[in-house]
Amino acid sequence: MNVEEAVSRLTQMPEGTVLVAKPPLTWGAEAMFVELTVDYRVPQPVKDAGYEYLMGRDDIANLIDFLKKKRVSSRSAAEFVIHYAMNDSAPAWIDDIPGA
């Protein structure tokens, strides 16, 4: 699964999981859902496989709710989530996307 597919499958993402992906972080980066350890870390075997924390389920859900007001593709939604995860802010290009 890649980031685009993972973001599109948010409703199937189990509660309490987070999205991790392998750099470079783009819509096509390999991704998966994992549960954090008891001390809220990405499990070491997942990190050893090259995955990095991207974002938690609730945070992605909030971003997807925002994107419902816009006309964006699943690929753009994935790039939006990645940008937000890396910069803690929405990308400037989202303002150029017309509303739904």
Protein backbone atom coordinates (compact mmCIF):
# COMPACT_ATOMS: atom_id res chain seq x y z
CA MET A 1 0.00 0.00 0.00
CA ASN A 2 1.22 3.52 -0.68
CA VAL A 3 0.36 6.80 1.07
CA GLU A 4 -2.38 7.64 -1.44
CA GLU A 5 -4.08 4.29 -0.85
CA ALA A 6 -3.67 4.56 2.92
CA VAL A 7 -5.24 8.03 3.08
CA SER A 8 -8.08 6.82 0.85
CA ARG A 9 -8.66 3.88 3.23
CA LEU A 10 -8.86 5.98 6.38
CA THR A 11 -12.20 4.45 7.38
CA GLN A 12 -10.52 1.03 7.40
CA MET A 13 -7.65 2.29 9.55
CA PRO A 14 -7.99 0.68 12.99
CA GLU A 15 -8.52 2.97 15.97
CA GLY A 16 -5.31 3.72 17.81
CA THR A 17 -3.06 3.27 14.80
CA VAL A 18 -0.78 5.67 12.97
CA LEU A 19 0.35 5.95 9.39
CA VAL A 20 4.03 5.31 8.71
CA ALA A 21 5.80 5.57 5.37
CA LYS A 22 9.21 5.08 3.80
CA PRO A 23 11.05 8.18 2.59
CA PRO A 24 11.09 9.97 0.29
CA LEU A 25 7.61 10.95 1.41
CA THR A 26 5.42 11.30 -1.65
CA TRP A 27 1.96 10.02 -2.55
CA GLY A 28 3.55 6.82 -3.90
CA ALA A 29 5.75 6.07 -0.87
CA GLU A 30 5.28 2.65 0.69
CA ALA A 31 3.07 2.98 3.76
CA MET A 32 1.25 1.00 6.42
CA PHE A 33 -0.77 1.40 9.60
CA VAL A 34 0.87 0.42 12.88
CA GLU A 35 0.10 0.60 16.57
CA LEU A 36 2.53 2.61 18.64
CA THR A 37 4.40 1.02 21.53
CA VAL A 38 3.28 1.62 25.12
CA ASP A 39 5.60 4.63 25.24
CA TYR A 40 4.07 6.07 22.04
CA ARG A 41 6.89 5.21 19.65
CA VAL A 42 6.97 3.52 16.29
CA PRO A 43 7.94 -0.12 16.95
CA GLN A 44 11.66 -0.71 16.38
CA PRO A 45 11.17 -3.45 13.73
CA VAL A 46 9.06 -0.97 11.73
CA LYS A 47 11.73 1.71 12.04
CA ASP A 48 14.40 -0.83 11.13
CA ALA A 49 12.43 -1.58 7.95
CA GLY A 50 12.82 2.10 6.99
CA TYR A 51 9.42 3.49 7.95
CA GLU A 52 8.91 6.87 9.60
CA TYR A 53 5.94 8.21 11.55
CA LEU A 54 3.68 10.31 9.35
CA MET A 55 0.47 11.03 11.25
CA GLY A 56 -2.14 9.56 13.55
CA ARG A 57 -5.59 8.45 12.46
CA ASP A 58 -7.52 11.29 14.15
CA ASP A 59 -5.27 13.96 12.66
CA ILE A 60 -5.65 12.48 9.17
CA ALA A 61 -9.43 12.34 9.66
CA ASN A 62 -9.46 16.06 10.53
CA LEU A 63 -7.49 16.90 7.39
CA ILE A 64 -9.76 14.74 5.22
CA ASP A 65 -12.81 16.52 6.66
CA PHE A 66 -11.24 19.83 5.66
CA LEU A 67 -10.50 18.50 2.16
CA LYS A 68 -14.15 17.53 1.63
CA LYS A 69 -14.75 21.24 0.99
CA LYS A 70 -12.26 21.17 -1.88
CA ARG A 71 -12.08 19.45 -5.26
CA VAL A 72 -8.98 17.33 -4.82
CA SER A 73 -7.89 13.97 -6.15
CA SER A 74 -6.79 11.16 -3.86
CA ARG A 75 -3.22 11.90 -4.91
CA SER A 76 -3.56 15.56 -3.93
CA ALA A 77 -5.11 14.53 -0.62
CA ALA A 78 -2.09 12.32 0.08
CA GLU A 79 0.33 15.15 -0.76
CA PHE A 80 -1.70 17.49 1.46
CA VAL A 81 -1.43 15.07 4.40
CA ILE A 82 2.31 14.62 3.84
CA HIS A 83 2.91 18.37 3.65
CA TYR A 84 0.89 18.94 6.80
CA ALA A 85 2.72 16.16 8.63
CA MET A 86 6.13 17.55 7.70
CA ASN A 87 5.42 21.28 8.13
CA ASP A 88 2.54 21.43 10.63
CA SER A 89 0.66 23.67 8.21
CA ALA A 90 -1.34 23.39 5.03
CA PRO A 91 0.47 23.89 1.72
CA ALA A 92 -0.12 27.26 0.05
CA TRP A 93 -1.48 25.59 -3.08
CA ILE A 94 -4.60 24.41 -1.23
CA ASP A 95 -5.96 27.98 -1.38
CA ASP A 96 -5.89 27.78 -5.20
CA ILE A 97 -8.14 24.68 -5.25
CA PRO A 98 -11.81 25.53 -5.82
CA GLY A 99 -14.44 24.47 -3.32
CA ALA A 100 -16.62 21.44 -3.90
